[in-house]
């Protein structure tokens, strides 16, 4: 879904498995793209609100959020909030999102609620990132139906590939039935531990299976990445010299490079 002449790219960050670095990627990749002075928006579609709190926004005090947009109570413009990162805005989540799938059931074209909402923004942003919930329900389907690309974070662990196959089948169905333009931007290996042989084996297996679909950048296990959410900051504001912050800056450069080559 391109608006105008390559003015905005919508990227979902999706994996139905929790604990794979999905929200960490949403927070830190959006911040890393924004510091390259591209106007960026991150939408928190997860009722756990971790991306929202990761930017220091207490979700219990949020009046306008993505749930209120999806059910037609507010417009996108009314719920956008700035973050501490220049060029980066956020649309927060709220725990009420857990009921959104039921609310949307009787809505016509319910799979396109987010796409219609994003359409309100026109070419305000160069990049819009969507943090999907850890499931393959209606909110994730909405996110994928609204997106140009999807990034799949994959933890370097034994059962990583099993969940990936299920997600790729879902993406294939979305491509056939709802969004023919959706493409996988890349598989992102996360929580890579150089001291652990298993990390290297997973990297080798995923690279062998998916070749160029795997990002060159690998996200390491990193203390600063783990600590930064409790301070309500992306890693580049918490400790820009940390390996975690540096890895997401490299990933942002890789994505910008891919787009320039497209």
Protein backbone atom coordinates (compact mmCIF):
# COMPACT_ATOMS: atom_id res chain seq x y z
CA UNK A 1 0.00 0.00 0.00
CA UNK A 2 1.95 2.94 -1.29
CA UNK A 3 0.55 6.45 -0.97
CA UNK A 4 1.68 8.85 -3.66
CA UNK A 5 5.14 8.47 -5.13
CA UNK A 6 6.85 6.14 -2.70
CA UNK A 7 6.04 8.49 0.17
CA UNK A 8 5.21 6.01 2.93
CA UNK A 9 6.10 2.41 3.62
CA UNK A 10 3.99 0.51 6.17
CA UNK A 11 5.91 -2.29 7.89
CA UNK A 12 4.37 -4.79 10.30
CA UNK A 13 6.59 -6.54 12.83
CA UNK A 14 4.94 -9.89 13.37
CA UNK A 15 5.40 -13.25 15.01
CA UNK A 16 2.63 -15.18 16.75
CA UNK A 17 5.20 -16.48 19.23
CA UNK A 18 5.84 -14.22 22.19
CA UNK A 19 9.27 -13.38 23.58
CA UNK A 20 11.06 -13.22 20.22
CA UNK A 21 12.04 -9.54 20.31
CA UNK A 22 9.05 -8.22 18.37
CA UNK A 23 8.34 -5.22 20.59
CA UNK A 24 12.05 -4.58 21.17
CA UNK A 25 12.36 -4.37 17.40
CA UNK A 26 9.32 -2.09 17.03
CA UNK A 27 10.70 0.36 19.58
CA UNK A 28 14.34 0.36 18.54
CA UNK A 29 13.97 0.06 14.76
CA UNK A 30 11.42 2.88 14.57
CA UNK A 31 13.73 5.07 16.67
CA UNK A 32 16.74 4.15 14.51
CA UNK A 33 14.89 5.03 11.29
CA UNK A 34 13.72 8.31 12.83
CA UNK A 35 17.24 9.46 13.72
CA UNK A 36 18.03 9.32 10.00
CA UNK A 37 15.53 12.23 9.80
CA UNK A 38 12.74 10.21 8.19
CA UNK A 39 9.34 11.11 9.63
CA UNK A 40 8.26 7.90 11.35
CA UNK A 41 5.17 6.59 13.16
CA UNK A 42 4.91 3.47 15.31
CA UNK A 43 1.47 1.96 16.00
CA UNK A 44 1.09 -0.30 19.03
CA UNK A 45 -1.49 -2.98 18.16
CA UNK A 46 -0.72 -5.20 21.15
CA UNK A 47 -3.02 -5.05 24.19
CA UNK A 48 0.00 -5.65 26.42
CA UNK A 49 1.02 -2.06 25.52
CA UNK A 50 4.75 -2.80 25.74
CA UNK A 51 5.71 -0.56 22.82
CA UNK A 52 3.68 2.23 24.42
CA UNK A 53 5.44 1.84 27.78
CA UNK A 54 8.76 1.37 25.96
CA UNK A 55 8.52 5.04 25.00
CA UNK A 56 7.72 6.10 28.56
CA UNK A 57 3.96 6.48 28.04
CA UNK A 58 1.85 5.03 30.88
CA UNK A 59 -1.00 3.30 29.04
CA UNK A 60 -3.42 3.75 31.96
CA UNK A 61 -3.27 7.54 31.41
CA UNK A 62 -3.78 7.39 27.66
CA UNK A 63 -7.04 8.97 26.50
CA UNK A 64 -6.67 8.42 22.74
CA UNK A 65 -5.27 5.13 21.44
CA UNK A 66 -5.48 2.79 18.47
CA UNK A 67 -8.47 0.94 19.94
CA UNK A 68 -10.54 4.13 19.94
CA UNK A 69 -9.62 4.60 16.25
CA UNK A 70 -10.53 1.04 15.25
CA UNK A 71 -13.99 1.29 16.79
CA UNK A 72 -14.61 4.71 15.22
CA UNK A 73 -14.50 6.91 18.31
CA UNK A 74 -11.46 8.95 17.28
CA UNK A 75 -9.42 9.78 14.18
CA UNK A 76 -5.74 8.93 13.76
CA UNK A 77 -4.80 12.61 14.02
CA UNK A 78 -6.47 12.80 17.44
CA UNK A 79 -4.44 9.97 18.98
CA UNK A 80 -0.93 10.57 17.59
CA UNK A 81 1.60 11.51 20.26
CA UNK A 82 5.22 12.68 19.94
CA UNK A 83 8.04 10.69 21.51
CA UNK A 84 11.37 11.82 22.94
CA UNK A 85 12.98 10.84 19.62
CA UNK A 86 12.87 13.62 16.99
CA UNK A 87 10.90 12.68 13.85
CA UNK A 88 9.16 9.81 15.71
CA UNK A 89 5.50 9.71 16.77
CA UNK A 90 3.46 6.93 18.34
CA UNK A 91 -0.15 5.81 18.44
CA UNK A 92 -0.43 4.08 21.82
CA UNK A 93 -2.22 0.86 22.65
CA UNK A 94 -4.65 0.21 25.50
CA UNK A 95 -5.59 -3.01 27.33
CA UNK A 96 -9.10 -2.62 25.85
CA UNK A 97 -7.58 -3.79 22.56
CA UNK A 98 -8.11 -7.30 23.85
CA UNK A 99 -11.81 -6.81 23.05
CA UNK A 100 -11.27 -5.24 19.65
CA UNK A 101 -11.58 -8.52 17.77
CA UNK A 102 -15.09 -9.00 19.16
CA UNK A 103 -16.00 -5.35 18.47
CA UNK A 104 -14.89 -5.69 14.85
CA UNK A 105 -16.66 -8.99 14.16
CA UNK A 106 -19.88 -7.35 12.96
CA UNK A 107 -18.09 -4.60 11.04
CA UNK A 108 -18.07 -4.66 7.24
CA UNK A 109 -14.57 -5.11 5.79
CA UNK A 110 -13.31 -5.71 9.32
CA UNK A 111 -9.91 -6.87 8.01
CA UNK A 112 -9.31 -3.39 6.56
CA UNK A 113 -10.08 -1.23 9.63
CA UNK A 114 -6.40 -0.34 10.19
CA UNK A 115 -5.73 0.18 6.48
CA UNK A 116 -8.56 2.71 6.27
CA UNK A 117 -7.27 4.50 9.36
CA UNK A 118 -3.72 4.70 7.99
CA UNK A 119 -5.17 6.10 4.77
CA UNK A 120 -6.28 9.17 6.76
CA UNK A 121 -2.62 10.11 7.26
CA UNK A 122 -1.77 10.50 3.57
CA UNK A 123 1.94 11.13 3.10
CA UNK A 124 2.63 12.56 6.57
CA UNK A 125 5.18 9.82 7.30
CA UNK A 126 7.94 8.07 5.37
CA UNK A 127 7.73 4.94 7.55
CA UNK A 128 4.93 3.49 9.65
CA UNK A 129 5.79 0.52 11.87
CA UNK A 130 3.07 -1.68 13.35
CA UNK A 131 3.80 -3.79 16.43
CA UNK A 132 1.46 -6.77 16.04
CA UNK A 133 0.09 -8.81 18.93
CA UNK A 134 1.66 -12.26 19.53
CA UNK A 135 -1.17 -14.12 17.80
CA UNK A 136 -2.60 -14.67 14.34
CA UNK A 137 -6.00 -13.15 15.16
CA UNK A 138 -7.93 -10.29 13.59
CA UNK A 139 -5.61 -7.53 14.84
CA UNK A 140 -2.59 -9.18 13.22
CA UNK A 141 -4.62 -9.77 10.05
CA UNK A 142 -5.56 -6.06 10.07
CA UNK A 143 -1.90 -5.13 10.44
CA UNK A 144 -0.77 -7.35 7.56
CA UNK A 145 -3.66 -6.23 5.34
CA UNK A 146 -2.54 -2.62 5.89
CA UNK A 147 1.17 -3.23 5.27
CA UNK A 148 3.56 -3.11 2.35
CA UNK A 149 6.13 -5.26 4.11
CA UNK A 150 6.50 -7.51 7.14
CA UNK A 151 9.54 -8.09 9.33
CA UNK A 152 9.65 -11.42 11.17
CA UNK A 153 11.79 -11.43 14.33
CA UNK A 154 13.09 -14.91 15.08
CA UNK A 155 14.73 -15.84 18.35
CA UNK A 156 17.84 -17.98 18.04
CA UNK A 157 16.39 -21.01 19.77
CA UNK A 158 15.59 -24.65 19.01
CA UNK A 159 11.89 -24.36 18.11
CA UNK A 160 12.18 -21.10 16.17
CA UNK A 161 11.50 -22.58 12.74
CA UNK A 162 8.29 -24.35 13.77
CA UNK A 163 6.39 -21.15 14.48
CA UNK A 164 7.88 -19.51 11.40
CA UNK A 165 6.23 -22.00 9.05
CA UNK A 166 2.79 -21.20 10.50
CA UNK A 167 3.34 -17.45 10.18
CA UNK A 168 4.50 -17.78 6.58
CA UNK A 169 1.34 -19.74 5.74
CA UNK A 170 -0.75 -16.94 7.24
CA UNK A 171 1.16 -14.33 5.23
CA UNK A 172 0.56 -16.38 2.08
CA UNK A 173 -3.20 -16.43 2.78
CA UNK A 174 -3.18 -12.64 3.36
CA UNK A 175 -1.35 -12.17 0.06
CA UNK A 176 -3.91 -14.27 -1.82
CA UNK A 177 -7.09 -12.95 -0.23
CA UNK A 178 -6.51 -9.49 1.27
CA UNK A 179 -3.24 -7.84 0.27
CA UNK A 180 -1.48 -9.06 -2.90
CA UNK A 181 1.23 -6.42 -2.47
CA UNK A 182 2.42 -7.69 0.91
CA UNK A 183 6.01 -8.93 0.94
CA UNK A 184 8.38 -10.23 3.59
CA UNK A 185 11.02 -7.53 4.02
CA UNK A 186 13.21 -9.86 6.02
CA UNK A 187 13.64 -12.40 8.79
CA UNK A 188 15.47 -10.85 11.72
CA UNK A 189 17.48 -13.10 14.02
CA UNK A 190 17.27 -11.85 17.60
CA UNK A 191 18.79 -12.70 20.98
CA UNK A 192 21.91 -14.06 19.29
CA UNK A 193 24.46 -15.28 21.84
CA UNK A 194 27.97 -15.80 20.49
CA UNK A 195 28.79 -17.99 23.49
CA UNK A 196 26.05 -20.43 22.53
CA UNK A 197 26.55 -22.93 19.70
CA UNK A 198 22.77 -23.17 19.29
CA UNK A 199 22.64 -19.54 18.11
CA UNK A 200 25.09 -20.34 15.32
CA UNK A 201 23.19 -23.50 14.35
CA UNK A 202 19.88 -21.59 14.13
CA UNK A 203 21.58 -18.85 12.08
CA UNK A 204 23.01 -21.45 9.68
CA UNK A 205 19.68 -23.29 9.33
CA UNK A 206 17.59 -20.15 8.74
CA UNK A 207 20.12 -18.74 6.29
CA UNK A 208 20.22 -22.05 4.40
CA UNK A 209 16.41 -22.17 4.16
CA UNK A 210 15.69 -18.51 3.39
CA UNK A 211 18.91 -17.12 1.89
CA UNK A 212 18.60 -13.41 1.05
CA UNK A 213 15.34 -13.08 3.00
CA UNK A 214 17.41 -13.10 6.22
CA UNK A 215 18.74 -9.69 7.28
CA UNK A 216 22.52 -9.41 7.42
CA UNK A 217 22.13 -7.66 10.76
CA UNK A 218 21.73 -9.95 13.76
CA UNK A 219 20.41 -8.59 17.08
CA UNK A 220 22.53 -9.79 20.02
CA UNK A 221 21.50 -10.58 23.55
CA UNK A 222 22.33 -7.33 25.27
CA UNK A 223 21.84 -6.03 28.80
CA UNK A 224 21.17 -2.44 27.69
CA UNK A 225 18.45 -3.61 25.28
CA UNK A 226 16.81 -5.44 28.18
CA UNK A 227 17.13 -2.51 30.58
CA UNK A 228 16.01 0.34 28.33
CA UNK A 229 12.22 -0.44 28.38
CA UNK A 230 12.12 -0.06 32.17
CA UNK A 231 13.46 3.47 31.65
CA UNK A 232 10.86 4.24 28.97
CA UNK A 233 13.52 4.79 26.30
CA UNK A 234 14.74 3.10 23.13
CA UNK A 235 18.30 1.82 23.48
CA UNK A 236 19.81 4.66 21.44
CA UNK A 237 18.57 7.17 24.05
CA UNK A 238 19.48 4.92 26.96
CA UNK A 239 22.99 3.98 25.78
CA UNK A 240 23.78 4.67 22.14
CA UNK A 241 27.18 2.98 22.44
CA UNK A 242 25.66 -0.36 23.47
CA UNK A 243 25.81 -3.32 21.11
CA UNK A 244 22.03 -3.45 21.07
CA UNK A 245 21.62 0.16 19.97
CA UNK A 246 24.35 -0.22 17.36
CA UNK A 247 22.72 -3.36 15.92
CA UNK A 248 19.37 -1.61 15.40
CA UNK A 249 21.10 1.35 13.77
CA UNK A 250 22.75 -1.12 11.37
CA UNK A 251 19.37 -2.74 10.70
CA UNK A 252 17.86 0.66 9.92
CA UNK A 253 20.68 1.33 7.44
CA UNK A 254 20.07 -2.06 5.84
CA UNK A 255 16.36 -1.31 5.41
CA UNK A 256 17.03 2.15 3.97
CA UNK A 257 19.50 0.54 1.56
CA UNK A 258 16.92 -2.08 0.50
CA UNK A 259 14.35 0.61 -0.19
CA UNK A 260 16.76 2.71 -2.24
CA UNK A 261 17.55 -0.35 -4.37
CA UNK A 262 13.87 -1.23 -4.94
